[in-house]
Amino acid sequence: MWCRPRRIPARRHRAHLWTPASQRFLLDFAEAGGYQDCDAAGIKLYPQHDGDTPESLVALADLIDRTFHGAGVHPALWNTGSAYRAATDRPLDAARSIAYAVRFYLIGMYVR
């Protein structure tokens, strides 16, 4: 995750937000004021496991939103891209690739 700042240098933490330790870091960072001067929180929204559907991102985005709300901050989410492992995940067939691309796009708009 990282902060798109208004007035301060960017803060960055490479986190796999599906894990409890990274979720705790997100909460601690938000509660400590890490997002006070940010327009948006840059988060990598990607499926937890190879082969998960695009809709699985909604659960992660909901968890992030509830974490921010609990910390009293409400930055917009900025999806910064897919997982590093995308190059090594098993490829999808053409039809599924097209369907997933459209669904990933729509989900990205939904969780903003």
PDB file of N, CA and C in Angstrom:
ATOM      1  N   MET A   1       0.836  -1.166   0.000  1.00  0.00           N
ATOM      2  CA  MET A   1       0.000   0.000   0.000  1.00  0.00           C
ATOM      3  C   MET A   1       0.875   1.221   0.000  1.00  0.00           C
ATOM      4  N   TRP A   2       0.399   2.292  -0.549  1.00  0.00           N
ATOM      5  CA  TRP A   2       1.105   3.548  -0.397  1.00  0.00           C
ATOM      6  C   TRP A   2       0.151   4.691  -0.447  1.00  0.00           C
ATOM      7  N   CYS A   3       0.675   5.801  -0.021  1.00  0.00           N
ATOM      8  CA  CYS A   3      -0.103   7.011   0.131  1.00  0.00           C
ATOM      9  C   CYS A   3       0.173   7.947  -1.034  1.00  0.00           C
ATOM     10  N   ARG A   4      -0.838   8.445  -1.655  1.00  0.00           N
ATOM     11  CA  ARG A   4      -0.679   9.497  -2.662  1.00  0.00           C
ATOM     12  C   ARG A   4      -0.822  10.812  -1.897  1.00  0.00           C
ATOM     13  N   PRO A   5       0.307  11.430  -1.520  1.00  0.00           N
ATOM     14  CA  PRO A   5       0.247  12.558  -0.593  1.00  0.00           C
ATOM     15  C   PRO A   5      -0.169  13.878  -1.230  1.00  0.00           C
ATOM     16  N   ARG A   6      -0.700  14.743  -0.382  1.00  0.00           N
ATOM     17  CA  ARG A   6      -0.956  16.114  -0.791  1.00  0.00           C
ATOM     18  C   ARG A   6       0.286  16.967  -0.535  1.00  0.00           C
ATOM     19  N   ARG A   7       0.931  16.764   0.629  1.00  0.00           N
ATOM     20  CA  ARG A   7       2.020  17.651   1.005  1.00  0.00           C
ATOM     21  C   ARG A   7       3.259  16.940   1.527  1.00  0.00           C
ATOM     22  N   ILE A   8       3.251  15.646   1.627  1.00  0.00           N
ATOM     23  CA  ILE A   8       4.373  14.949   2.246  1.00  0.00           C
ATOM     24  C   ILE A   8       4.909  13.868   1.325  1.00  0.00           C
ATOM     25  N   PRO A   9       6.135  13.399   1.532  1.00  0.00           N
ATOM     26  CA  PRO A   9       6.671  12.309   0.706  1.00  0.00           C
ATOM     27  C   PRO A   9       5.809  11.050   0.815  1.00  0.00           C
ATOM     28  N   ALA A  10       5.782  10.267  -0.245  1.00  0.00           N
ATOM     29  CA  ALA A  10       5.001   9.025  -0.255  1.00  0.00           C
ATOM     30  C   ALA A  10       5.541   8.049   0.779  1.00  0.00           C
ATOM     31  N   ARG A  11       4.634   7.322   1.384  1.00  0.00           N
ATOM     32  CA  ARG A  11       4.992   6.255   2.311  1.00  0.00           C
ATOM     33  C   ARG A  11       4.604   4.950   1.651  1.00  0.00           C
ATOM     34  N   ARG A  12       5.469   3.988   1.728  1.00  0.00           N
ATOM     35  CA  ARG A  12       5.192   2.738   1.043  1.00  0.00           C
ATOM     36  C   ARG A  12       5.491   1.538   1.926  1.00  0.00           C
ATOM     37  N   HIS A  13       4.644   0.539   1.836  1.00  0.00           N
ATOM     38  CA  HIS A  13       4.865  -0.725   2.527  1.00  0.00           C
ATOM     39  C   HIS A  13       4.390  -1.818   1.587  1.00  0.00           C
ATOM     40  N   ARG A  14       5.253  -2.747   1.291  1.00  0.00           N
ATOM     41  CA  ARG A  14       4.852  -3.859   0.423  1.00  0.00           C
ATOM     42  C   ARG A  14       4.127  -4.885   1.281  1.00  0.00           C
ATOM     43  N   ALA A  15       2.855  -4.994   1.062  1.00  0.00           N
ATOM     44  CA  ALA A  15       2.057  -5.854   1.924  1.00  0.00           C
ATOM     45  C   ALA A  15       1.169  -6.767   1.095  1.00  0.00           C
ATOM     46  N   HIS A  16       1.088  -7.972   1.535  1.00  0.00           N
ATOM     47  CA  HIS A  16       0.141  -8.928   0.977  1.00  0.00           C
ATOM     48  C   HIS A  16      -1.081  -8.840   1.876  1.00  0.00           C
ATOM     49  N   LEU A  17      -2.026  -7.978   1.521  1.00  0.00           N
ATOM     50  CA  LEU A  17      -3.107  -7.628   2.435  1.00  0.00           C
ATOM     51  C   LEU A  17      -4.089  -8.752   2.720  1.00  0.00           C
ATOM     52  N   TRP A  18      -3.869  -9.910   2.148  1.00  0.00           N
ATOM     53  CA  TRP A  18      -4.698 -11.062   2.495  1.00  0.00           C
ATOM     54  C   TRP A  18      -4.242 -11.687   3.812  1.00  0.00           C
ATOM     55  N   THR A  19      -3.070 -11.334   4.328  1.00  0.00           N
ATOM     56  CA  THR A  19      -2.552 -11.958   5.549  1.00  0.00           C
ATOM     57  C   THR A  19      -2.890 -11.112   6.776  1.00  0.00           C
ATOM     58  N   PRO A  20      -3.145 -11.767   7.911  1.00  0.00           N
ATOM     59  CA  PRO A  20      -3.460 -11.020   9.143  1.00  0.00           C
ATOM     60  C   PRO A  20      -2.361 -10.037   9.549  1.00  0.00           C
ATOM     61  N   ALA A  21      -1.099 -10.390   9.375  1.00  0.00           N
ATOM     62  CA  ALA A  21      -0.006  -9.489   9.766  1.00  0.00           C
ATOM     63  C   ALA A  21      -0.050  -8.200   8.947  1.00  0.00           C
ATOM     64  N   SER A  22      -0.291  -8.312   7.652  1.00  0.00           N
ATOM     65  CA  SER A  22      -0.361  -7.119   6.805  1.00  0.00           C
ATOM     66  C   SER A  22      -1.627  -6.319   7.085  1.00  0.00           C
ATOM     67  N   GLN A  23      -2.717  -6.990   7.397  1.00  0.00           N
ATOM     68  CA  GLN A  23      -3.939  -6.285   7.770  1.00  0.00           C
ATOM     69  C   GLN A  23      -3.728  -5.495   9.056  1.00  0.00           C
ATOM     70  N   ARG A  24      -2.985  -6.067   9.993  1.00  0.00           N
ATOM     71  CA  ARG A  24      -2.673  -5.376  11.246  1.00  0.00           C
ATOM     72  C   ARG A  24      -1.782  -4.163  10.972  1.00  0.00           C
ATOM     73  N   PHE A  25      -0.808  -4.322  10.071  1.00  0.00           N
ATOM     74  CA  PHE A  25       0.051  -3.193   9.699  1.00  0.00           C
ATOM     75  C   PHE A  25      -0.787  -2.066   9.112  1.00  0.00           C
ATOM     76  N   LEU A  26      -1.733  -2.404   8.236  1.00  0.00           N
ATOM     77  CA  LEU A  26      -2.605  -1.403   7.629  1.00  0.00           C
ATOM     78  C   LEU A  26      -3.373  -0.649   8.708  1.00  0.00           C
ATOM     79  N   LEU A  27      -3.942  -1.377   9.664  1.00  0.00           N
ATOM     80  CA  LEU A  27      -4.684  -0.737  10.749  1.00  0.00           C
ATOM     81  C   LEU A  27      -3.767   0.156  11.581  1.00  0.00           C
ATOM     82  N   ASP A  28      -2.616  -0.356  11.969  1.00  0.00           N
ATOM     83  CA  ASP A  28      -1.672   0.427  12.774  1.00  0.00           C
ATOM     84  C   ASP A  28      -1.227   1.691  12.029  1.00  0.00           C
ATOM     85  N   PHE A  29      -0.935   1.547  10.742  1.00  0.00           N
ATOM     86  CA  PHE A  29      -0.495   2.677   9.930  1.00  0.00           C
ATOM     87  C   PHE A  29      -1.593   3.733   9.846  1.00  0.00           C
ATOM     88  N   ALA A  30      -2.829   3.290   9.624  1.00  0.00           N
ATOM     89  CA  ALA A  30      -3.955   4.218   9.528  1.00  0.00           C
ATOM     90  C   ALA A  30      -4.217   4.897  10.872  1.00  0.00           C
ATOM     91  N   GLU A  31      -4.200   4.125  11.953  1.00  0.00           N
ATOM     92  CA  GLU A  31      -4.440   4.700  13.278  1.00  0.00           C
ATOM     93  C   GLU A  31      -3.345   5.676  13.696  1.00  0.00           C
ATOM     94  N   ALA A  32      -2.126   5.464  13.213  1.00  0.00           N
ATOM     95  CA  ALA A  32      -1.002   6.339  13.555  1.00  0.00           C
ATOM     96  C   ALA A  32      -1.013   7.638  12.740  1.00  0.00           C
ATOM     97  N   GLY A  33      -1.984   7.786  11.853  1.00  0.00           N
ATOM     98  CA  GLY A  33      -2.083   9.010  11.061  1.00  0.00           C
ATOM     99  C   GLY A  33      -1.406   8.933   9.719  1.00  0.00           C
ATOM    100  N   GLY A  34      -1.042   7.746   9.303  1.00  0.00           N
ATOM    101  CA  GLY A  34      -0.334   7.584   8.038  1.00  0.00           C
ATOM    102  C   GLY A  34      -1.091   8.058   6.812  1.00  0.00           C
ATOM    103  N   TYR A  35      -2.410   8.165   6.896  1.00  0.00           N
ATOM    104  CA  TYR A  35      -3.204   8.604   5.751  1.00  0.00           C
ATOM    105  C   TYR A  35      -3.779  10.001   5.921  1.00  0.00           C
ATOM    106  N   GLN A  36      -3.396  10.714   6.972  1.00  0.00           N
ATOM    107  CA  GLN A  36      -3.959  12.041   7.227  1.00  0.00           C
ATOM    108  C   GLN A  36      -3.772  13.006   6.071  1.00  0.00           C
ATOM    109  N   ASP A  37      -2.632  13.002   5.451  1.00  0.00           N
ATOM    110  CA  ASP A  37      -2.336  13.958   4.387  1.00  0.00           C
ATOM    111  C   ASP A  37      -2.355  13.320   3.002  1.00  0.00           C
ATOM    112  N   CYS A  38      -3.190  12.305   2.836  1.00  0.00           N
ATOM    113  CA  CYS A  38      -3.229  11.572   1.571  1.00  0.00           C
ATOM    114  C   CYS A  38      -4.554  11.766   0.853  1.00  0.00           C
ATOM    115  N   ASP A  39      -4.475  11.876  -0.447  1.00  0.00           N
ATOM    116  CA  ASP A  39      -5.681  11.920  -1.275  1.00  0.00           C
ATOM    117  C   ASP A  39      -6.209  10.523  -1.544  1.00  0.00           C
ATOM    118  N   ALA A  40      -5.305   9.548  -1.615  1.00  0.00           N
ATOM    119  CA  ALA A  40      -5.700   8.183  -1.955  1.00  0.00           C
ATOM    120  C   ALA A  40      -4.724   7.190  -1.343  1.00  0.00           C
ATOM    121  N   ALA A  41      -5.236   6.005  -1.078  1.00  0.00           N
ATOM    122  CA  ALA A  41      -4.402   4.910  -0.587  1.00  0.00           C
ATOM    123  C   ALA A  41      -4.167   3.961  -1.756  1.00  0.00           C
ATOM    124  N   GLY A  42      -2.924   3.837  -2.165  1.00  0.00           N
ATOM    125  CA  GLY A  42      -2.575   2.927  -3.250  1.00  0.00           C
ATOM    126  C   GLY A  42      -2.495   1.506  -2.723  1.00  0.00           C
ATOM    127  N   ILE A  43      -3.379   0.653  -3.193  1.00  0.00           N
ATOM    128  CA  ILE A  43      -3.488  -0.717  -2.722  1.00  0.00           C
ATOM    129  C   ILE A  43      -3.440  -1.656  -3.922  1.00  0.00           C
ATOM    130  N   LYS A  44      -2.697  -2.743  -3.803  1.00  0.00           N
ATOM    131  CA  LYS A  44      -2.719  -3.766  -4.847  1.00  0.00           C
ATOM    132  C   LYS A  44      -3.889  -4.703  -4.563  1.00  0.00           C
ATOM    133  N   LEU A  45      -4.935  -4.573  -5.349  1.00  0.00           N
ATOM    134  CA  LEU A  45      -6.100  -5.449  -5.226  1.00  0.00           C
ATOM    135  C   LEU A  45      -5.949  -6.577  -6.236  1.00  0.00           C
ATOM    136  N   TYR A  46      -5.692  -7.760  -5.726  1.00  0.00           N
ATOM    137  CA  TYR A  46      -5.547  -8.910  -6.613  1.00  0.00           C
ATOM    138  C   TYR A  46      -6.062 -10.147  -5.887  1.00  0.00           C
ATOM    139  N   PRO A  47      -6.450 -11.174  -6.650  1.00  0.00           N
ATOM    140  CA  PRO A  47      -6.983 -12.388  -6.031  1.00  0.00           C
ATOM    141  C   PRO A  47      -5.965 -13.030  -5.086  1.00  0.00           C
ATOM    142  N   GLN A  48      -6.483 -13.632  -4.048  1.00  0.00           N
ATOM    143  CA  GLN A  48      -5.611 -14.270  -3.057  1.00  0.00           C
ATOM    144  C   GLN A  48      -4.865 -15.456  -3.648  1.00  0.00           C
ATOM    145  N   HIS A  49      -5.568 -16.262  -4.453  1.00  0.00           N
ATOM    146  CA  HIS A  49      -4.981 -17.478  -5.009  1.00  0.00           C
ATOM    147  C   HIS A  49      -5.085 -17.476  -6.528  1.00  0.00           C
ATOM    148  N   ASP A  50      -4.150 -18.108  -7.158  1.00  0.00           N
ATOM    149  CA  ASP A  50      -4.183 -18.326  -8.591  1.00  0.00           C
ATOM    150  C   ASP A  50      -5.526 -18.983  -8.939  1.00  0.00           C
ATOM    151  N   GLY A  51      -6.239 -18.403  -9.888  1.00  0.00           N
ATOM    152  CA  GLY A  51      -7.507 -18.986 -10.309  1.00  0.00           C
ATOM    153  C   GLY A  51      -8.728 -18.407  -9.617  1.00  0.00           C
ATOM    154  N   ASP A  52      -8.554 -17.569  -8.567  1.00  0.00           N
ATOM    155  CA  ASP A  52      -9.703 -16.938  -7.918  1.00  0.00           C
ATOM    156  C   ASP A  52     -10.382 -15.984  -8.905  1.00  0.00           C
ATOM    157  N   THR A  53     -11.658 -15.810  -8.731  1.00  0.00           N
ATOM    158  CA  THR A  53     -12.415 -14.925  -9.622  1.00  0.00           C
ATOM    159  C   THR A  53     -12.169 -13.460  -9.265  1.00  0.00           C
ATOM    160  N   PRO A  54     -12.438 -12.576 -10.204  1.00  0.00           N
ATOM    161  CA  PRO A  54     -12.308 -11.151  -9.915  1.00  0.00           C
ATOM    162  C   PRO A  54     -13.181 -10.710  -8.734  1.00  0.00           C
ATOM    163  N   GLU A  55     -14.307 -11.376  -8.556  1.00  0.00           N
ATOM    164  CA  GLU A  55     -15.216 -10.994  -7.472  1.00  0.00           C
ATOM    165  C   GLU A  55     -14.612 -11.203  -6.086  1.00  0.00           C
ATOM    166  N   SER A  56     -13.563 -12.004  -5.991  1.00  0.00           N
ATOM    167  CA  SER A  56     -12.912 -12.212  -4.694  1.00  0.00           C
ATOM    168  C   SER A  56     -12.279 -10.925  -4.172  1.00  0.00           C
ATOM    169  N   LEU A  57     -12.014  -9.972  -5.055  1.00  0.00           N
ATOM    170  CA  LEU A  57     -11.440  -8.696  -4.641  1.00  0.00           C
ATOM    171  C   LEU A  57     -12.397  -7.874  -3.791  1.00  0.00           C
ATOM    172  N   VAL A  58     -13.683  -8.092  -3.964  1.00  0.00           N
ATOM    173  CA  VAL A  58     -14.666  -7.321  -3.207  1.00  0.00           C
ATOM    174  C   VAL A  58     -14.493  -7.568  -1.708  1.00  0.00           C
ATOM    175  N   ALA A  59     -14.219  -8.803  -1.312  1.00  0.00           N
ATOM    176  CA  ALA A  59     -14.023  -9.114   0.102  1.00  0.00           C
ATOM    177  C   ALA A  59     -12.800  -8.380   0.663  1.00  0.00           C
ATOM    178  N   LEU A  60     -11.715  -8.332  -0.107  1.00  0.00           N
ATOM    179  CA  LEU A  60     -10.512  -7.624   0.335  1.00  0.00           C
ATOM    180  C   LEU A  60     -10.772  -6.123   0.414  1.00  0.00           C
ATOM    181  N   ALA A  61     -11.413  -5.568  -0.592  1.00  0.00           N
ATOM    182  CA  ALA A  61     -11.718  -4.135  -0.581  1.00  0.00           C
ATOM    183  C   ALA A  61     -12.633  -3.785   0.593  1.00  0.00           C
ATOM    184  N   ASP A  62     -13.583  -4.658   0.903  1.00  0.00           N
ATOM    185  CA  ASP A  62     -14.469  -4.435   2.044  1.00  0.00           C
ATOM    186  C   ASP A  62     -13.678  -4.444   3.349  1.00  0.00           C
ATOM    187  N   LEU A  63     -12.753  -5.390   3.486  1.00  0.00           N
ATOM    188  CA  LEU A  63     -11.913  -5.456   4.684  1.00  0.00           C
ATOM    189  C   LEU A  63     -11.075  -4.183   4.823  1.00  0.00           C
ATOM    190  N   ILE A  64     -10.492  -3.710   3.721  1.00  0.00           N
ATOM    191  CA  ILE A  64      -9.699  -2.479   3.743  1.00  0.00           C
ATOM    192  C   ILE A  64     -10.578  -1.294   4.130  1.00  0.00           C
ATOM    193  N   ASP A  65     -11.758  -1.208   3.551  1.00  0.00           N
ATOM    194  CA  ASP A  65     -12.678  -0.111   3.854  1.00  0.00           C
ATOM    195  C   ASP A  65     -13.070  -0.110   5.332  1.00  0.00           C
ATOM    196  N   ARG A  66     -13.388  -1.296   5.874  1.00  0.00           N
ATOM    197  CA  ARG A  66     -13.744  -1.384   7.295  1.00  0.00           C
ATOM    198  C   ARG A  66     -12.561  -1.031   8.187  1.00  0.00           C
ATOM    199  N   THR A  67     -11.349  -1.415   7.764  1.00  0.00           N
ATOM    200  CA  THR A  67     -10.144  -1.069   8.524  1.00  0.00           C
ATOM    201  C   THR A  67      -9.960   0.440   8.562  1.00  0.00           C
ATOM    202  N   PHE A  68     -10.092   1.080   7.408  1.00  0.00           N
ATOM    203  CA  PHE A  68      -9.959   2.538   7.359  1.00  0.00           C
ATOM    204  C   PHE A  68     -11.037   3.207   8.209  1.00  0.00           C
ATOM    205  N   HIS A  69     -12.261   2.732   8.090  1.00  0.00           N
ATOM    206  CA  HIS A  69     -13.359   3.319   8.863  1.00  0.00           C
ATOM    207  C   HIS A  69     -13.094   3.199  10.362  1.00  0.00           C
ATOM    208  N   GLY A  70     -12.626   2.029  10.777  1.00  0.00           N
ATOM    209  CA  GLY A  70     -12.311   1.819  12.188  1.00  0.00           C
ATOM    210  C   GLY A  70     -11.200   2.726  12.690  1.00  0.00           C
ATOM    211  N   ALA A  71     -10.300   3.116  11.788  1.00  0.00           N
ATOM    212  CA  ALA A  71      -9.193   4.013  12.150  1.00  0.00           C
ATOM    213  C   ALA A  71      -9.586   5.485  12.001  1.00  0.00           C
ATOM    214  N   GLY A  72     -10.791   5.721  11.488  1.00  0.00           N
ATOM    215  CA  GLY A  72     -11.260   7.098  11.334  1.00  0.00           C
ATOM    216  C   GLY A  72     -10.710   7.829  10.127  1.00  0.00           C
ATOM    217  N   VAL A  73     -10.275   7.097   9.121  1.00  0.00           N
ATOM    218  CA  VAL A  73      -9.780   7.716   7.890  1.00  0.00           C
ATOM    219  C   VAL A  73     -10.583   7.181   6.706  1.00  0.00           C
ATOM    220  N   HIS A  74     -10.663   7.965   5.657  1.00  0.00           N
ATOM    221  CA  HIS A  74     -11.479   7.547   4.516  1.00  0.00           C
ATOM    222  C   HIS A  74     -10.837   7.933   3.186  1.00  0.00           C
ATOM    223  N   PRO A  75      -9.587   7.495   2.949  1.00  0.00           N
ATOM    224  CA  PRO A  75      -8.984   7.816   1.650  1.00  0.00           C
ATOM    225  C   PRO A  75      -9.644   7.002   0.536  1.00  0.00           C
ATOM    226  N   ALA A  76      -9.640   7.568  -0.648  1.00  0.00           N
ATOM    227  CA  ALA A  76     -10.101   6.799  -1.808  1.00  0.00           C
ATOM    228  C   ALA A  76      -9.110   5.671  -2.042  1.00  0.00           C
ATOM    229  N   LEU A  77      -9.594   4.556  -2.578  1.00  0.00           N
ATOM    230  CA  LEU A  77      -8.696   3.458  -2.934  1.00  0.00           C
ATOM    231  C   LEU A  77      -8.192   3.664  -4.356  1.00  0.00           C
ATOM    232  N   TRP A  78      -6.933   3.410  -4.539  1.00  0.00           N
ATOM    233  CA  TRP A  78      -6.303   3.488  -5.852  1.00  0.00           C
ATOM    234  C   TRP A  78      -5.659   2.137  -6.107  1.00  0.00           C
ATOM    235  N   ASN A  79      -6.250   1.356  -7.002  1.00  0.00           N
ATOM    236  CA  ASN A  79      -5.723   0.037  -7.312  1.00  0.00           C
ATOM    237  C   ASN A  79      -4.467   0.199  -8.159  1.00  0.00           C
ATOM    238  N   THR A  80      -3.328  -0.206  -7.590  1.00  0.00           N
ATOM    239  CA  THR A  80      -2.046   0.019  -8.260  1.00  0.00           C
ATOM    240  C   THR A  80      -1.607  -1.135  -9.153  1.00  0.00           C
ATOM    241  N   GLY A  81      -2.425  -2.165  -9.288  1.00  0.00           N
ATOM    242  CA  GLY A  81      -2.064  -3.220 -10.225  1.00  0.00           C
ATOM    243  C   GLY A  81      -2.211  -4.619  -9.673  1.00  0.00           C
ATOM    244  N   SER A  82      -1.768  -5.549 -10.470  1.00  0.00           N
ATOM    245  CA  SER A  82      -1.912  -6.956 -10.110  1.00  0.00           C
ATOM    246  C   SER A  82      -0.756  -7.426  -9.243  1.00  0.00           C
ATOM    247  N   ALA A  83      -0.822  -8.667  -8.860  1.00  0.00           N
ATOM    248  CA  ALA A  83       0.213  -9.273  -8.019  1.00  0.00           C
ATOM    249  C   ALA A  83       1.496  -9.490  -8.822  1.00  0.00           C
ATOM    250  N   TYR A  84       2.606  -9.466  -8.127  1.00  0.00           N
ATOM    251  CA  TYR A  84       3.898  -9.735  -8.755  1.00  0.00           C
ATOM    252  C   TYR A  84       3.925 -11.115  -9.410  1.00  0.00           C
ATOM    253  N   ARG A  85       3.169 -12.032  -8.824  1.00  0.00           N
ATOM    254  CA  ARG A  85       3.178 -13.414  -9.309  1.00  0.00           C
ATOM    255  C   ARG A  85       2.381 -13.598 -10.600  1.00  0.00           C
ATOM    256  N   ALA A  86       1.764 -12.546 -11.122  1.00  0.00           N
ATOM    257  CA  ALA A  86       0.907 -12.672 -12.300  1.00  0.00           C
ATOM    258  C   ALA A  86       1.622 -13.342 -13.471  1.00  0.00           C
ATOM    259  N   ALA A  87       2.897 -13.101 -13.596  1.00  0.00           N
ATOM    260  CA  ALA A  87       3.660 -13.687 -14.714  1.00  0.00           C
ATOM    261  C   ALA A  87       3.842 -15.189 -14.578  1.00  0.00           C
ATOM    262  N   THR A  88       3.696 -15.719 -13.372  1.00  0.00           N
ATOM    263  CA  THR A  88       3.907 -17.151 -13.160  1.00  0.00           C
ATOM    264  C   THR A  88       2.610 -17.913 -12.889  1.00  0.00           C
ATOM    265  N   ASP A  89       1.480 -17.203 -12.735  1.00  0.00           N
ATOM    266  CA  ASP A  89       0.193 -17.891 -12.561  1.00  0.00           C
ATOM    267  C   ASP A  89      -0.145 -18.651 -13.832  1.00  0.00           C
ATOM    268  N   ARG A  90      -0.958 -19.682 -13.687  1.00  0.00           N
ATOM    269  CA  ARG A  90      -1.340 -20.432 -14.878  1.00  0.00           C
ATOM    270  C   ARG A  90      -2.204 -19.557 -15.778  1.00  0.00           C
ATOM    271  N   PRO A  91      -1.964 -19.610 -17.070  1.00  0.00           N
ATOM    272  CA  PRO A  91      -2.705 -18.740 -17.991  1.00  0.00           C
ATOM    273  C   PRO A  91      -4.171 -19.151 -18.099  1.00  0.00           C
ATOM    274  N   LEU A  92      -4.999 -18.164 -18.381  1.00  0.00           N
ATOM    275  CA  LEU A  92      -6.421 -18.407 -18.607  1.00  0.00           C
ATOM    276  C   LEU A  92      -6.655 -18.611 -20.098  1.00  0.00           C
ATOM    277  N   ASP A  93      -7.715 -19.328 -20.435  1.00  0.00           N
ATOM    278  CA  ASP A  93      -8.065 -19.448 -21.850  1.00  0.00           C
ATOM    279  C   ASP A  93      -8.594 -18.099 -22.337  1.00  0.00           C
ATOM    280  N   ALA A  94      -8.709 -17.939 -23.636  1.00  0.00           N
ATOM    281  CA  ALA A  94      -9.064 -16.649 -24.234  1.00  0.00           C
ATOM    282  C   ALA A  94     -10.414 -16.124 -23.734  1.00  0.00           C
ATOM    283  N   ALA A  95     -11.424 -16.979 -23.701  1.00  0.00           N
ATOM    284  CA  ALA A  95     -12.761 -16.532 -23.279  1.00  0.00           C
ATOM    285  C   ALA A  95     -12.750 -16.066 -21.823  1.00  0.00           C
ATOM    286  N   ARG A  96     -12.095 -16.821 -20.963  1.00  0.00           N
ATOM    287  CA  ARG A  96     -12.038 -16.448 -19.546  1.00  0.00           C
ATOM    288  C   ARG A  96     -11.200 -15.176 -19.360  1.00  0.00           C
ATOM    289  N   SER A  97     -10.141 -15.030 -20.133  1.00  0.00           N
ATOM    290  CA  SER A  97      -9.319 -13.817 -20.050  1.00  0.00           C
ATOM    291  C   SER A  97     -10.139 -12.572 -20.357  1.00  0.00           C
ATOM    292  N   ILE A  98     -10.941 -12.647 -21.414  1.00  0.00           N
ATOM    293  CA  ILE A  98     -11.783 -11.504 -21.793  1.00  0.00           C
ATOM    294  C   ILE A  98     -12.811 -11.224 -20.695  1.00  0.00           C
ATOM    295  N   ALA A  99     -13.474 -12.265 -20.209  1.00  0.00           N
ATOM    296  CA  ALA A  99     -14.485 -12.095 -19.165  1.00  0.00           C
ATOM    297  C   ALA A  99     -13.865 -11.531 -17.885  1.00  0.00           C
ATOM    298  N   TYR A 100     -12.710 -12.044 -17.501  1.00  0.00           N
ATOM    299  CA  TYR A 100     -12.054 -11.576 -16.270  1.00  0.00           C
ATOM    300  C   TYR A 100     -11.585 -10.133 -16.419  1.00  0.00           C
ATOM    301  N   ALA A 101     -11.076  -9.767 -17.586  1.00  0.00           N
ATOM    302  CA  ALA A 101     -10.603  -8.395 -17.786  1.00  0.00           C
ATOM    303  C   ALA A 101     -11.743  -7.407 -17.575  1.00  0.00           C
ATOM    304  N   VAL A 102     -12.887  -7.686 -18.148  1.00  0.00           N
ATOM    305  CA  VAL A 102     -14.052  -6.815 -17.994  1.00  0.00           C
ATOM    306  C   VAL A 102     -14.497  -6.785 -16.535  1.00  0.00           C
ATOM    307  N   ARG A 103     -14.556  -7.933 -15.903  1.00  0.00           N
ATOM    308  CA  ARG A 103     -15.006  -7.993 -14.500  1.00  0.00           C
ATOM    309  C   ARG A 103     -14.016  -7.312 -13.561  1.00  0.00           C
ATOM    310  N   PHE A 104     -12.703  -7.475 -13.780  1.00  0.00           N
ATOM    311  CA  PHE A 104     -11.708  -6.771 -12.963  1.00  0.00           C
ATOM    312  C   PHE A 104     -11.893  -5.259 -13.092  1.00  0.00           C
ATOM    313  N   TYR A 105     -12.112  -4.796 -14.308  1.00  0.00           N
ATOM    314  CA  TYR A 105     -12.315  -3.370 -14.538  1.00  0.00           C
ATOM    315  C   TYR A 105     -13.550  -2.878 -13.779  1.00  0.00           C
ATOM    316  N   LEU A 106     -14.668  -3.577 -13.917  1.00  0.00           N
ATOM    317  CA  LEU A 106     -15.896  -3.159 -13.250  1.00  0.00           C
ATOM    318  C   LEU A 106     -15.763  -3.203 -11.730  1.00  0.00           C
ATOM    319  N   ILE A 107     -15.091  -4.206 -11.211  1.00  0.00           N
ATOM    320  CA  ILE A 107     -14.900  -4.291  -9.768  1.00  0.00           C
ATOM    321  C   ILE A 107     -14.000  -3.152  -9.282  1.00  0.00           C
ATOM    322  N   GLY A 108     -12.981  -2.830 -10.067  1.00  0.00           N
ATOM    323  CA  GLY A 108     -12.134  -1.688  -9.711  1.00  0.00           C
ATOM    324  C   GLY A 108     -12.932  -0.392  -9.614  1.00  0.00           C
ATOM    325  N   MET A 109     -13.878  -0.200 -10.505  1.00  0.00           N
ATOM    326  CA  MET A 109     -14.742   0.983 -10.444  1.00  0.00           C
ATOM    327  C   MET A 109     -15.663   0.916  -9.229  1.00  0.00           C
ATOM    328  N   TYR A 110     -16.150  -0.270  -8.909  1.00  0.00           N
ATOM    329  CA  TYR A 110     -17.072  -0.455  -7.789  1.00  0.00           C
ATOM    330  C   TYR A 110     -16.407  -0.162  -6.438  1.00  0.00           C
ATOM    331  N   VAL A 111     -15.171  -0.583  -6.265  1.00  0.00           N
ATOM    332  CA  VAL A 111     -14.532  -0.453  -4.942  1.00  0.00           C
ATOM    333  C   VAL A 111     -13.843   0.885  -4.727  1.00  0.00           C
ATOM    334  N   ARG A 112     -13.854   1.775  -5.694  1.00  0.00           N
ATOM    335  CA  ARG A 112     -13.218   3.082  -5.548  1.00  0.00           C
ATOM    336  C   ARG A 112     -13.773   3.780  -4.361  1.00  0.00           C
TER     337      ARG A 112
END
